[in-house]
């Protein structure tokens, strides 16, 4: 209470002469809460957008269905936003490519069976709630890396193992590491 306006103004002032990106902008407004402070931020933002059109680019980002609902509650915002761009979800092959690039950047080797299993996983995951495109890929890669570490640990703790781990083993994500997700 009492801090919303100054904090909002400060953030907007920092963006003057540049771009203000508000990711998941729909969280600024909560229609179910009559004591929501986001409305105050929105009103300040609208004023700055109107008075500083030459000095401020505002990008409101978020999932289309939620953004549409947000704009329905704040009609003044929708009319001040000149361009509405809908980015489609990535295709399965694109998500698989993203996983391969993430793996490469993290210095992991994903062989074809691992990529095939990832593709099965992501195909199924796209049908479930809360699918979030590349964020889902990142989360799957994080879990696969953890599963890989657990798999290696368990295999090296087996009494028949000498317990030694080589670099190639540490850098390998297998189909089994994704299969646990699937």
Protein backbone atom coordinates (compact mmCIF):
# COMPACT_ATOMS: atom_id res chain seq x y z
CA UNK A 1 0.00 0.00 0.00
CA UNK A 2 1.38 3.38 -0.98
CA UNK A 3 4.37 1.97 -2.85
CA UNK A 4 2.71 0.97 -6.11
CA UNK A 5 2.69 4.40 -7.75
CA UNK A 6 6.30 5.41 -6.99
CA UNK A 7 7.68 2.01 -7.94
CA UNK A 8 5.68 1.92 -11.17
CA UNK A 9 6.76 5.44 -12.11
CA UNK A 10 10.41 4.62 -11.42
CA UNK A 11 10.37 1.54 -13.65
CA UNK A 12 8.66 3.44 -16.45
CA UNK A 13 11.09 6.37 -16.15
CA UNK A 14 14.01 3.96 -16.48
CA UNK A 15 12.48 2.70 -19.72
CA UNK A 16 12.00 6.16 -21.27
CA UNK A 17 13.95 6.39 -24.48
CA UNK A 18 13.77 2.63 -24.84
CA UNK A 19 11.50 -0.36 -24.40
CA UNK A 20 9.47 -1.46 -21.41
CA UNK A 21 8.70 -5.19 -21.55
CA UNK A 22 5.95 -6.39 -19.25
CA UNK A 23 6.01 -10.18 -19.42
CA UNK A 24 2.85 -11.99 -18.36
CA UNK A 25 1.13 -8.60 -18.29
CA UNK A 26 -2.21 -10.13 -17.32
CA UNK A 27 -0.90 -10.47 -13.77
CA UNK A 28 -1.15 -6.69 -13.47
CA UNK A 29 -4.91 -6.99 -13.17
CA UNK A 30 -6.93 -9.31 -10.97
CA UNK A 31 -10.64 -8.84 -11.57
CA UNK A 32 -11.48 -11.09 -8.62
CA UNK A 33 -9.66 -8.87 -6.11
CA UNK A 34 -11.16 -5.44 -5.49
CA UNK A 35 -8.04 -4.48 -3.47
CA UNK A 36 -5.71 -5.28 -6.36
CA UNK A 37 -2.91 -2.73 -6.73
CA UNK A 38 -2.24 -3.66 -10.34
CA UNK A 39 -5.02 -1.34 -11.50
CA UNK A 40 -3.01 1.60 -10.12
CA UNK A 41 0.04 0.47 -12.10
CA UNK A 42 -2.05 0.11 -15.24
CA UNK A 43 -3.48 3.61 -14.90
CA UNK A 44 0.01 5.08 -14.46
CA UNK A 45 1.30 3.09 -17.43
CA UNK A 46 -1.60 4.28 -19.59
CA UNK A 47 -0.84 7.89 -18.69
CA UNK A 48 2.87 7.49 -19.52
CA UNK A 49 2.03 5.71 -22.77
CA UNK A 50 -0.27 8.55 -23.81
CA UNK A 51 2.07 11.37 -22.78
CA UNK A 52 5.37 9.83 -23.97
CA UNK A 53 4.44 8.15 -27.24
CA UNK A 54 7.68 9.32 -28.89
CA UNK A 55 9.93 8.21 -26.00
CA UNK A 56 8.53 4.88 -24.86
CA UNK A 57 7.82 1.56 -26.52
CA UNK A 58 5.71 -0.73 -24.36
CA UNK A 59 5.57 -4.45 -25.07
CA UNK A 60 2.97 -6.46 -23.19
CA UNK A 61 3.65 -10.16 -23.50
CA UNK A 62 1.78 -13.24 -22.42
CA UNK A 63 -0.31 -16.19 -23.50
CA UNK A 64 -2.93 -15.15 -26.04
CA UNK A 65 -6.01 -16.34 -24.16
CA UNK A 66 -4.94 -14.56 -20.98
CA UNK A 67 -3.93 -11.40 -22.84
CA UNK A 68 -7.33 -11.30 -24.59
CA UNK A 69 -9.03 -11.53 -21.21
CA UNK A 70 -6.71 -8.83 -19.81
CA UNK A 71 -7.56 -6.48 -22.69
CA UNK A 72 -11.27 -7.13 -22.18
CA UNK A 73 -10.94 -5.79 -18.61
CA UNK A 74 -8.77 -2.81 -19.65
CA UNK A 75 -10.20 -1.47 -22.92
CA UNK A 76 -8.07 1.70 -22.73
CA UNK A 77 -4.97 -0.48 -22.87
CA UNK A 78 -6.04 -2.37 -25.96
CA UNK A 79 -6.74 0.83 -27.88
CA UNK A 80 -3.28 2.21 -27.03
CA UNK A 81 -1.46 -0.88 -28.21
CA UNK A 82 -0.95 -0.44 -31.94
CA UNK A 83 0.13 -3.95 -32.84
CA UNK A 84 -1.06 -7.25 -31.48
CA UNK A 85 1.17 -10.10 -32.58
CA UNK A 86 0.31 -13.73 -31.97
CA UNK A 87 3.29 -16.06 -32.01
CA UNK A 88 2.19 -19.64 -32.68
CA UNK A 89 3.49 -22.50 -30.57
CA UNK A 90 6.59 -24.24 -31.84
CA UNK A 91 6.10 -27.41 -33.85
CA UNK A 92 7.32 -30.71 -32.42
CA UNK A 93 10.39 -30.79 -34.68
CA UNK A 94 11.29 -27.24 -33.64
CA UNK A 95 10.98 -28.16 -29.95
CA UNK A 96 13.19 -31.19 -30.55
CA UNK A 97 15.76 -28.93 -32.24
CA UNK A 98 15.59 -26.58 -29.24
CA UNK A 99 16.27 -29.53 -26.92
CA UNK A 100 19.25 -30.56 -29.05
CA UNK A 101 20.66 -27.01 -28.95
CA UNK A 102 20.13 -26.79 -25.18
CA UNK A 103 21.91 -30.10 -24.77
CA UNK A 104 24.80 -28.98 -26.95
CA UNK A 105 25.09 -25.66 -25.12
CA UNK A 106 25.19 -27.51 -21.79
CA UNK A 107 27.84 -29.86 -23.28
CA UNK A 108 25.61 -32.93 -23.24
CA UNK A 109 25.38 -35.51 -25.98
CA UNK A 110 21.86 -36.50 -26.99
CA UNK A 111 21.94 -39.40 -29.41
CA UNK A 112 19.10 -40.18 -31.82
CA UNK A 113 17.26 -42.58 -29.45
CA UNK A 114 17.30 -39.83 -26.79
CA UNK A 115 15.92 -37.29 -29.25
CA UNK A 116 13.28 -39.78 -30.40
CA UNK A 117 12.19 -40.35 -26.80
CA UNK A 118 12.16 -36.60 -26.17
CA UNK A 119 9.93 -36.19 -29.21
CA UNK A 120 7.48 -38.77 -27.81
CA UNK A 121 7.53 -36.97 -24.48
CA UNK A 122 6.95 -33.51 -25.94
CA UNK A 123 4.18 -34.79 -28.24
CA UNK A 124 2.32 -36.11 -25.21
CA UNK A 125 3.17 -33.06 -23.09
CA UNK A 126 1.66 -30.70 -25.68
CA UNK A 127 -1.72 -32.35 -25.07
CA UNK A 128 -1.63 -31.66 -21.33
CA UNK A 129 -2.46 -28.45 -19.46
CA UNK A 130 0.19 -25.83 -18.76
CA UNK A 131 2.30 -26.61 -21.82
CA UNK A 132 4.64 -23.66 -22.23
CA UNK A 133 6.63 -24.17 -25.41
CA UNK A 134 10.38 -23.74 -24.96
CA UNK A 135 10.02 -23.43 -21.17
CA UNK A 136 8.61 -26.98 -21.17
CA UNK A 137 11.66 -28.05 -23.18
CA UNK A 138 14.01 -26.39 -20.69
CA UNK A 139 12.23 -28.07 -17.78
CA UNK A 140 12.37 -31.44 -19.54
CA UNK A 141 16.08 -30.98 -20.22
CA UNK A 142 16.70 -30.08 -16.57
CA UNK A 143 14.86 -33.20 -15.42
CA UNK A 144 16.65 -35.38 -17.99
CA UNK A 145 20.01 -34.04 -16.75
CA UNK A 146 19.00 -34.91 -13.19
CA UNK A 147 17.78 -38.34 -14.31
CA UNK A 148 21.11 -38.87 -16.07
CA UNK A 149 23.01 -38.04 -12.90
CA UNK A 150 20.84 -40.41 -10.86
CA UNK A 151 21.22 -43.16 -13.48
CA UNK A 152 25.01 -42.80 -13.45
CA UNK A 153 25.15 -42.69 -9.66
CA UNK A 154 23.00 -45.80 -9.31
CA UNK A 155 25.00 -47.73 -11.90
CA UNK A 156 28.31 -46.78 -10.29
CA UNK A 157 27.05 -47.75 -6.84
CA UNK A 158 26.22 -51.24 -8.07
CA UNK A 159 28.54 -53.80 -6.45
CA UNK A 160 29.60 -55.04 -9.87
CA UNK A 161 30.85 -51.56 -10.86
CA UNK A 162 34.31 -50.22 -10.20
CA UNK A 163 32.65 -46.88 -9.34
CA UNK A 164 34.66 -44.87 -11.85
CA UNK A 165 32.87 -42.40 -14.12
CA UNK A 166 34.32 -41.12 -17.36
CA UNK A 167 33.68 -37.85 -19.16
CA UNK A 168 31.58 -39.42 -21.91
CA UNK A 169 29.22 -40.97 -19.35
CA UNK A 170 28.78 -37.64 -17.59
CA UNK A 171 28.01 -35.87 -20.84
CA UNK A 172 25.44 -38.40 -22.13
CA UNK A 173 21.67 -38.06 -21.89
CA UNK A 174 19.98 -41.27 -22.97
CA UNK A 175 16.48 -42.18 -24.04
CA UNK A 176 16.03 -43.68 -20.56
CA UNK A 177 16.60 -40.25 -19.04
CA UNK A 178 13.62 -38.91 -21.02
CA UNK A 179 11.69 -42.16 -20.69
CA UNK A 180 11.24 -41.48 -16.99
CA UNK A 181 9.40 -38.29 -17.98
CA UNK A 182 7.21 -40.06 -20.51
